[in-house]
Protein backbone atom coordinates (compact mmCIF):
# COMPACT_ATOMS: atom_id res chain seq x y z
CA ALA A 1 135.78 130.91 201.11
CA PHE A 2 138.48 133.53 201.46
CA SER A 3 141.57 134.53 199.58
CA LEU A 4 144.69 135.40 201.48
CA PRO A 5 144.30 139.16 200.79
CA GLN A 6 141.20 139.07 202.99
CA ILE A 7 143.14 137.82 206.00
CA GLY A 8 142.44 141.09 207.81
CA PHE A 9 138.80 139.97 207.99
CA GLU A 10 139.79 136.62 209.48
CA LYS A 11 142.03 138.32 212.06
CA GLU A 12 139.20 140.62 213.17
CA ASN A 13 136.75 137.71 213.36
CA ILE A 14 139.04 134.91 214.54
CA GLU A 15 136.59 133.81 217.22
CA LYS A 16 133.90 133.20 214.56
CA ILE A 17 135.88 131.30 211.91
CA ALA A 18 136.47 127.59 212.30
CA ALA A 19 138.27 126.95 208.97
CA ILE A 20 139.19 128.69 205.70
CA ILE A 21 139.09 127.57 202.07
CA SER A 22 140.91 129.75 199.53
CA VAL A 23 140.59 129.08 195.78
CA SER A 24 142.96 130.89 193.40
CA GLY A 25 143.51 133.45 196.12
CA GLY A 26 147.13 134.24 196.62
CA TYR A 27 149.42 136.17 198.93
CA PRO A 28 149.92 139.79 197.85
CA TYR A 29 152.67 140.79 200.28
CA GLY A 30 155.79 139.46 198.51
CA SER A 31 158.47 138.71 201.08
CA GLN A 32 156.73 140.78 203.76
CA VAL A 33 154.85 139.20 206.67
CA PRO A 34 152.16 141.58 207.95
CA ASN A 35 151.80 141.64 211.73
CA TYR A 36 148.25 140.31 211.58
CA LEU A 37 149.12 137.29 209.41
CA CYS A 38 150.29 135.18 212.31
CA GLY A 39 147.19 135.99 214.34
CA ILE A 40 145.29 133.39 212.34
CA GLU A 41 147.63 130.45 212.89
CA THR A 42 144.99 128.62 214.90
CA ILE A 43 142.55 128.57 211.96
CA PRO A 44 142.86 125.51 209.68
CA MET A 45 143.37 126.62 206.05
CA TRP A 46 143.14 124.77 202.77
CA LEU A 47 144.47 126.66 199.76
CA PHE A 48 143.70 125.58 196.17
CA HIS A 49 145.43 126.91 193.08
CA GLY A 50 146.05 125.89 189.47
CA ASN A 51 149.64 126.11 188.30
CA ASN A 52 148.54 127.60 184.94
CA ASP A 53 146.59 130.47 186.52
CA GLU A 54 147.22 133.57 184.39
CA VAL A 55 145.08 135.87 186.57
CA VAL A 56 146.67 135.23 189.99
CA SER A 57 149.97 133.39 189.88
CA HIS A 58 150.00 130.09 191.78
CA GLY A 59 153.28 131.30 193.27
CA THR A 60 151.27 133.68 195.43
CA SER A 61 149.47 130.74 197.07
CA THR A 62 152.69 128.78 197.58
CA ALA A 63 154.28 131.94 199.03
CA GLY A 64 151.40 132.41 201.48
CA TYR A 65 151.55 128.75 202.48
CA HIS A 66 155.29 128.93 203.14
CA ARG A 67 155.10 132.33 204.90
CA ILE A 68 152.52 130.94 207.33
CA ILE A 69 154.56 127.79 208.06
CA GLU A 70 157.94 129.55 208.30
CA ASN A 71 156.88 132.65 210.24
CA CYS A 72 153.81 131.83 212.28
CA GLN A 73 154.33 128.43 213.92
CA PRO A 74 150.73 127.42 213.14
CA THR A 75 149.02 125.09 215.58
CA VAL A 76 147.36 123.45 212.56
CA LEU A 77 149.45 123.18 209.40
CA PRO A 78 147.76 124.72 206.35
CA LYS A 79 146.98 122.50 203.38
CA LEU A 80 147.81 123.45 199.79
CA SER A 81 146.46 121.62 196.75
CA LEU A 82 148.29 122.74 193.62
CA ILE A 83 146.58 121.44 190.48
CA ASP A 84 148.78 120.73 187.45
CA GLY A 85 147.54 122.38 184.26
CA ALA A 86 144.56 124.18 185.86
CA GLY A 87 143.92 127.88 185.37
CA HIS A 88 142.16 130.48 187.47
CA GLU A 89 138.58 129.29 186.94
CA LEU A 90 138.68 126.14 189.04
CA HIS A 91 136.28 127.35 191.74
CA HIS A 92 133.31 125.32 190.49
CA SER A 93 135.30 122.09 190.35
CA ILE A 94 136.48 122.61 193.92
CA PHE A 95 133.06 123.49 195.31
CA ASP A 96 131.08 120.88 193.32
CA LEU A 97 133.71 118.26 194.28
CA SER A 98 134.40 117.20 190.67
CA GLY A 99 138.00 118.37 191.16
CA MET A 100 138.73 115.84 193.88
CA ALA A 101 141.41 113.23 193.24
CA GLY A 102 139.81 110.57 191.03
CA GLY A 103 136.93 112.95 190.20
CA ALA A 104 135.33 113.93 186.91
CA GLN A 105 137.91 116.67 186.20
CA GLY A 106 140.80 114.19 186.24
CA TYR A 107 143.06 116.68 188.00
CA VAL A 108 146.66 115.80 188.73
CA PHE A 109 148.12 117.31 191.90
CA ASP A 110 151.62 118.56 192.60
CA THR A 111 153.01 115.83 194.86
CA ARG A 112 155.02 118.33 196.92
CA TYR A 113 151.72 119.47 198.44
CA ASP A 114 148.34 118.05 199.42
CA GLU A 115 146.07 116.11 197.11
CA TYR A 116 142.41 117.16 197.07
CA ASP A 117 141.36 113.83 198.52
CA GLN A 118 138.76 114.83 201.09
CA ASN A 119 135.34 116.39 200.60
CA ILE A 120 135.87 120.06 201.48
CA TYR A 121 132.48 120.28 203.19
CA ASP A 122 133.33 117.36 205.47
CA TRP A 123 136.72 118.98 206.10
CA LEU A 124 135.14 122.37 206.91
CA LEU A 125 132.54 120.79 209.20
CA SER A 126 135.21 118.75 211.00
CA HIS A 127 136.44 122.03 212.52
CA SER A 128 134.58 124.04 215.11
CA LYS A 129 135.05 126.87 217.54
């Protein structure tokens, strides 16, 4: 799993990475689009964030999502699951799958974006290099 600030790593290792999951990561560049950001447009990404995150604002994940779509012409559109009422510590519920739609956590997802409706491990393994 990666957060968007680590994108430099993905860019340097693009031939090794089949897909990216980011949980409560964010996009630290404001309105800027670093040159290397668009070098990863061929890597499928799924971003997860709670809209009550007081550590890393969920707006940083939505900003990263929109910057990638608007500036990079990705060959695979990124996914963003924004969870209503969730805070920063949702990592376990994403990785143990209890945060999936209809799961034990009972999460409600922002309908403007993607619902967490697919096992992330199946999703990750569905991509290869």
